[in-house]
Protein backbone atom coordinates (compact mmCIF):
# COMPACT_ATOMS: atom_id res chain seq x y z
CA MET A 1 -92.45 296.15 174.78
CA TYR A 2 -91.08 292.95 172.45
CA ALA A 3 -92.29 292.28 169.22
CA VAL A 4 -92.02 289.32 166.41
CA ILE A 5 -91.13 290.54 163.19
CA GLN A 6 -90.51 288.80 160.36
CA THR A 7 -87.25 289.14 157.68
CA GLY A 8 -84.91 286.53 155.16
CA GLY A 9 -88.17 284.03 156.06
CA LYS A 10 -87.65 283.72 159.64
CA GLN A 11 -89.19 285.54 163.14
CA TYR A 12 -87.58 286.92 166.04
CA ARG A 13 -89.14 288.05 169.20
CA VAL A 14 -86.85 291.43 169.20
CA ALA A 15 -87.01 294.76 172.13
CA ASN A 16 -84.96 297.71 172.56
CA GLY A 17 -81.26 297.44 172.81
CA ASP A 18 -81.92 293.65 171.67
CA VAL A 19 -78.44 291.87 169.05
CA ILE A 20 -79.89 289.94 165.97
CA THR A 21 -78.55 287.89 163.56
CA VAL A 22 -80.28 288.03 160.62
CA GLU A 23 -80.23 287.03 157.10
CA LYS A 24 -78.33 289.78 154.24
CA LEU A 25 -80.11 292.87 154.42
CA GLU A 26 -78.60 295.58 152.80
CA GLY A 27 -76.57 298.55 154.87
CA GLU A 28 -73.44 299.51 156.10
CA ALA A 29 -71.90 299.14 159.57
CA GLY A 30 -74.01 301.97 162.07
CA SER A 31 -76.67 302.89 158.92
CA LYS A 32 -80.28 302.58 159.96
CA LEU A 33 -83.36 300.18 158.94
CA ALA A 34 -87.06 299.71 159.29
CA LEU A 35 -87.44 295.96 160.37
CA SER A 36 -91.42 295.27 158.76
CA PRO A 37 -93.73 293.59 158.44
CA VAL A 38 -94.73 293.36 162.69
CA LEU A 39 -96.43 290.07 163.21
CA MET A 40 -97.14 291.49 166.57
CA LEU A 41 -96.62 293.46 169.38
CA ASN A 42 -96.80 293.47 173.04
CA ASP A 43 -96.72 296.28 175.18
CA GLY A 44 -96.70 294.39 178.70
CA LYS A 45 -100.62 295.42 179.62
CA ALA A 46 -101.91 294.13 176.41
CA THR A 47 -101.22 290.98 173.21
CA GLN A 48 -101.97 292.42 169.57
CA VAL A 49 -101.63 289.80 167.00
CA GLY A 50 -102.15 291.00 163.10
CA THR A 51 -103.64 289.57 160.39
CA PRO A 52 -101.09 289.44 159.08
CA VAL A 53 -99.49 292.54 159.90
CA VAL A 54 -100.28 295.41 163.15
CA GLU A 55 -100.94 298.87 161.90
CA GLY A 56 -99.10 301.53 162.30
CA ALA A 57 -96.12 299.33 164.64
CA ALA A 58 -92.48 299.70 163.78
CA VAL A 59 -89.12 298.33 164.59
CA THR A 60 -86.04 300.45 163.75
CA ALA A 61 -82.43 298.67 164.50
CA GLU A 62 -79.26 299.56 163.73
CA VAL A 63 -76.31 297.27 161.61
CA VAL A 64 -73.89 297.21 163.72
CA GLU A 65 -71.75 294.97 160.97
CA GLN A 66 -72.59 291.96 158.01
CA THR A 67 -70.96 289.28 158.33
CA ARG A 68 -70.83 285.34 157.37
CA GLY A 69 -72.08 282.66 159.11
CA LYS A 70 -70.25 279.22 160.23
CA LYS A 71 -68.61 277.24 157.46
CA ILE A 72 -70.84 274.52 156.51
CA VAL A 73 -69.10 271.16 154.75
CA VAL A 74 -71.91 268.94 151.95
CA PHE A 75 -70.04 266.15 151.20
CA LYS A 76 -72.21 264.02 148.84
CA LYS A 77 -71.46 260.06 147.99
CA LYS A 78 -72.49 257.18 146.18
CA ARG A 79 -71.63 254.12 147.35
CA ARG A 80 -69.80 251.44 144.80
CA LYS A 81 -69.77 253.79 142.30
CA GLY A 82 -66.34 256.69 142.91
CA TYR A 83 -68.57 259.50 143.54
CA ARG A 84 -67.38 261.86 146.25
CA LYS A 85 -67.79 265.46 146.17
CA THR A 86 -67.47 268.22 148.94
CA GLN A 87 -68.54 271.93 148.27
CA GLY A 88 -68.43 274.73 152.03
CA HIS A 89 -71.20 277.16 152.07
CA ARG A 90 -71.13 280.35 154.31
CA GLN A 91 -74.12 282.29 154.70
CA ASP A 92 -74.15 285.76 154.68
CA LEU A 93 -75.40 287.80 157.27
CA THR A 94 -76.43 291.49 158.86
CA VAL A 95 -76.27 292.18 162.95
CA LEU A 96 -78.87 294.56 164.32
CA ARG A 97 -79.26 296.34 167.29
CA VAL A 98 -82.56 297.09 168.09
CA LEU A 99 -82.73 301.06 168.75
CA ASP A 100 -87.03 301.29 168.61
CA VAL A 101 -90.52 299.65 168.75
CA THR A 102 -92.93 302.04 168.26
CA GLY A 103 -97.05 300.90 168.47
CA LYS A 104 -99.96 300.62 170.88
CA ALA A 105 -101.57 296.93 171.32
CA LYS A 106 -105.29 297.41 172.14
CA ALA A 107 -106.61 295.46 174.43
CA PRO A 108 -110.06 293.00 172.65
CA THR A 109 -112.79 294.80 171.76
CA LYS A 110 -115.83 293.86 171.82
CA LYS A 111 -116.22 294.41 167.65
CA ALA A 112 -114.61 290.92 167.53
CA ALA A 113 -116.92 289.16 169.49
CA ALA A 114 -119.54 290.65 167.95
CA LYS A 115 -118.35 289.52 164.55
CA LYS A 116 -118.44 286.02 164.59
CA PRO A 117 -122.00 284.92 162.72
CA ALA A 118 -124.81 284.72 165.12
CA ALA A 119 -126.89 280.86 165.59
CA LYS A 120 -129.86 282.50 164.51
CA ASP A 121 -131.65 286.17 165.28
CA GLU A 122 -135.28 285.58 167.46
CA ASP A 123 -136.76 288.77 166.41
CA ALA A 124 -137.19 287.91 162.52
CA PRO A 125 -140.21 287.04 161.33
CA ALA A 126 -141.66 283.43 161.25
CA GLU A 127 -142.97 284.50 157.74
CA SER A 128 -139.72 285.49 156.51
CA ALA A 129 -138.69 281.83 157.60
CA ALA A 130 -141.61 280.09 156.51
CA GLU A 131 -140.54 281.96 153.05
CA ASP A 132 -136.39 280.76 152.63
CA LYS A 133 -137.30 276.91 153.61
CA PRO A 134 -138.56 276.35 150.04
CA ALA A 135 -136.54 278.33 148.15
CA ALA A 136 -133.74 277.35 149.90
CA LYS A 137 -134.78 273.13 148.88
CA LYS A 138 -134.83 274.94 145.46
CA ALA A 139 -131.72 276.44 145.63
CA GLU A 140 -129.54 273.35 147.07
CA THR A 141 -131.91 271.09 144.89
CA ALA A 142 -130.13 273.02 141.41
CA LYS A 143 -126.72 272.46 143.44
CA LYS A 144 -126.75 268.85 143.00
CA PRO A 145 -124.91 267.43 140.12
CA ALA A 146 -126.43 265.02 137.75
CA ALA A 147 -126.08 261.12 138.16
CA LYS A 148 -123.67 259.83 136.55
CA LYS A 149 -124.61 257.42 133.84
CA PRO A 150 -122.22 254.16 135.20
CA ALA A 151 -119.14 253.10 132.49
CA ALA A 152 -119.43 251.21 129.01
CA LYS A 153 -118.30 247.33 130.56
CA LYS A 154 -115.50 246.51 127.66
CA PRO A 155 -116.16 243.04 125.84
CA ALA A 156 -114.11 240.14 127.69
CA ALA A 157 -111.09 238.94 126.78
CA LYS A 158 -111.38 236.37 123.52
CA LYS A 159 -109.44 232.98 124.00
CA ALA A 160 -106.79 231.54 122.21
CA ALA A 161 -108.96 229.15 119.21
CA SER A 162 -108.58 225.53 119.90
CA GLY A 163 -107.24 224.95 116.39
CA SER A 164 -104.50 227.11 117.25
CA THR A 165 -101.07 226.17 116.27
CA LYS A 166 -99.03 226.18 119.20
CA LYS A 167 -98.77 223.26 121.41
CA PRO A 168 -97.36 223.07 124.72
CA ALA A 169 -94.22 221.45 125.31
CA ALA A 170 -94.27 217.76 126.79
CA LYS A 171 -93.08 216.35 129.35
CA LYS A 172 -89.59 214.29 129.75
CA PRO A 173 -90.66 211.24 131.56
CA ALA A 174 -88.61 211.06 135.20
CA ALA A 175 -85.53 208.97 135.70
CA LYS A 176 -85.63 206.10 136.78
CA LYS A 177 -84.06 205.42 140.28
CA LYS A 178 -81.36 202.57 140.83
CA ASP A 179 -81.31 200.80 143.89
CA ALA A 180 -79.17 197.94 145.56
CA ASP A 181 -81.79 195.42 144.41
CA ASP A 182 -82.03 195.83 140.66
CA LYS A 183 -78.28 195.30 139.66
CA PRO A 184 -77.96 191.85 137.19
CA ALA A 185 -78.45 188.61 139.33
CA ALA A 186 -74.19 187.71 138.44
CA ASP A 187 -73.52 190.99 140.48
CA LYS A 188 -75.84 189.62 143.44
CA GLU A 189 -73.12 186.59 143.89
């Protein structure tokens, strides 16, 4: 028989005699704890999944020791800024030995299948169906939101007045290129 429990924000699959390490729980070494919630239970024949927890299921465990986890190094750096920061962290942990998993897993029943909505009742009279249709149409039209009015158009941006004082900058004439043929006649001879 095994169960799935939740503790410390994590889920664990446990069976009788298992030793697990979980996030810190209150209690001295040798004390007994009841672990809850039990999310799933399996007795070897049937499995019961809780919605969200399994009613009547319980897991009892004994605290073996309070310990700390492996050291984790947290290093921060910003390049070219001369910023470095080193920190360390060790998580507090509790080691547990599971003593007992109790409860009875129930096989799926026919009631669960009956809870699913039926497509349509064949035995329902045709008169009531005919009466429901106009009422349904009225309800649908009442639920529809009113059409939105189109948004008002914003005025177009005004162009600058033609008599403005600001004029565009005048272009400078391109510089003349000097060629070997452009030299004075005295230099050519």
